[in-house]
Amino acid sequence: MREKKGFAYSISSSFKALHDTGLFLVRAGVENSRIVDAMALILKEFRKIRKADVTDSEFKRAKDYLLGQLILVLKILWSICYGSGNR
């Protein structure tokens, strides 16, 4: 979207997994005159994602990412708890 079409000067996505639901978020820095085109392209990509099967390598990358994020959060929490205990 950014490199091929030049619609956005920035674009990113994220997700938040909750207990019973979740959120998939796309953020794009787009000029007002290109919003409709950008939204159409984003929705097209959503449809492709919804129809596509997840490959083993994609699943492993996602799993490794989530495990890495968990380890990072645990390290941060440990540092906070350890620091508080030393006061």
Protein backbone atom coordinates (compact mmCIF):
# COMPACT_ATOMS: atom_id res chain seq x y z
CA MET A 1 0.00 0.00 0.00
CA ARG A 2 2.79 2.37 0.85
CA GLU A 3 5.48 1.25 -1.59
CA LYS A 4 3.39 0.06 -4.53
CA LYS A 5 0.45 2.48 -4.50
CA GLY A 6 1.82 5.46 -2.57
CA PHE A 7 -1.47 5.77 -0.67
CA ALA A 8 0.03 6.10 2.79
CA TYR A 9 3.12 7.67 4.27
CA SER A 10 2.83 5.19 7.15
CA ILE A 11 0.87 2.01 7.74
CA SER A 12 0.92 -0.60 10.48
CA SER A 13 -1.24 -3.31 11.97
CA SER A 14 -1.58 -4.91 15.38
CA PHE A 15 -3.85 -7.24 17.27
CA LYS A 16 -5.08 -7.68 20.78
CA ALA A 17 -6.26 -11.12 21.87
CA LEU A 18 -8.79 -11.02 24.69
CA HIS A 19 -10.45 -13.82 26.63
CA ASP A 20 -13.60 -14.01 24.51
CA THR A 21 -12.89 -11.68 21.60
CA GLY A 22 -10.09 -9.75 19.97
CA LEU A 23 -9.12 -6.75 17.93
CA PHE A 24 -7.24 -6.49 14.65
CA LEU A 25 -6.24 -2.90 14.00
CA VAL A 26 -4.81 -1.18 10.93
CA ARG A 27 -3.46 2.36 11.15
CA ALA A 28 -2.60 4.37 8.06
CA GLY A 29 -1.36 7.90 7.57
CA VAL A 30 -3.28 8.90 4.45
CA GLU A 31 -4.10 12.20 2.76
CA ASN A 32 -7.81 13.02 2.94
CA SER A 33 -8.10 12.78 -0.83
CA ARG A 34 -6.90 9.15 -0.79
CA ILE A 35 -8.93 7.76 2.13
CA VAL A 36 -11.50 5.96 -0.04
CA ASP A 37 -8.81 4.28 -2.17
CA ALA A 38 -6.79 3.34 0.90
CA MET A 39 -9.82 1.86 2.69
CA ALA A 40 -10.74 -0.16 -0.40
CA LEU A 41 -7.24 -1.62 -0.54
CA ILE A 42 -7.20 -2.39 3.21
CA LEU A 43 -10.58 -4.16 2.96
CA LYS A 44 -9.33 -6.12 -0.07
CA GLU A 45 -6.37 -7.32 2.00
CA PHE A 46 -8.72 -8.30 4.86
CA ARG A 47 -10.74 -10.44 2.44
CA LYS A 48 -7.55 -12.14 1.20
CA ILE A 49 -6.44 -12.85 4.78
CA ARG A 50 -9.84 -14.28 5.70
CA LYS A 51 -9.84 -16.69 2.73
CA ALA A 52 -6.21 -17.81 2.93
CA ASP A 53 -4.92 -20.81 4.82
CA VAL A 54 -2.15 -20.23 7.31
CA THR A 55 1.04 -22.02 6.30
CA ASP A 56 3.16 -23.91 8.81
CA SER A 57 5.93 -21.31 8.54
CA GLU A 58 3.47 -18.42 9.10
CA PHE A 59 2.05 -20.21 12.14
CA LYS A 60 5.56 -20.79 13.53
CA ARG A 61 6.51 -17.13 13.00
CA ALA A 62 3.35 -15.96 14.77
CA LYS A 63 3.90 -18.43 17.62
CA ASP A 64 7.55 -17.40 18.01
CA TYR A 65 6.56 -13.73 18.00
CA LEU A 66 3.94 -14.23 20.71
CA LEU A 67 6.34 -16.27 22.84
CA GLY A 68 8.99 -13.57 22.44
CA GLN A 69 6.50 -10.89 23.49
CA LEU A 70 5.52 -12.96 26.53
CA ILE A 71 9.15 -13.40 27.57
CA LEU A 72 9.77 -9.67 27.16
CA VAL A 73 6.76 -8.76 29.32
CA LEU A 74 7.81 -11.26 31.98
CA LYS A 75 11.33 -9.81 32.05
CA ILE A 76 9.93 -6.30 32.45
CA LEU A 77 7.61 -7.41 35.25
CA TRP A 78 10.47 -9.25 36.98
CA SER A 79 12.63 -6.11 36.77
CA ILE A 80 9.86 -3.98 38.27
CA CYS A 81 9.22 -6.46 41.09
CA TYR A 82 12.94 -6.95 41.77
CA GLY A 83 13.52 -3.18 41.79
CA SER A 84 10.63 -2.60 44.17
CA GLY A 85 11.94 -5.27 46.52
CA ASN A 86 15.33 -3.61 46.78
CA ARG A 87 14.00 -0.29 48.09
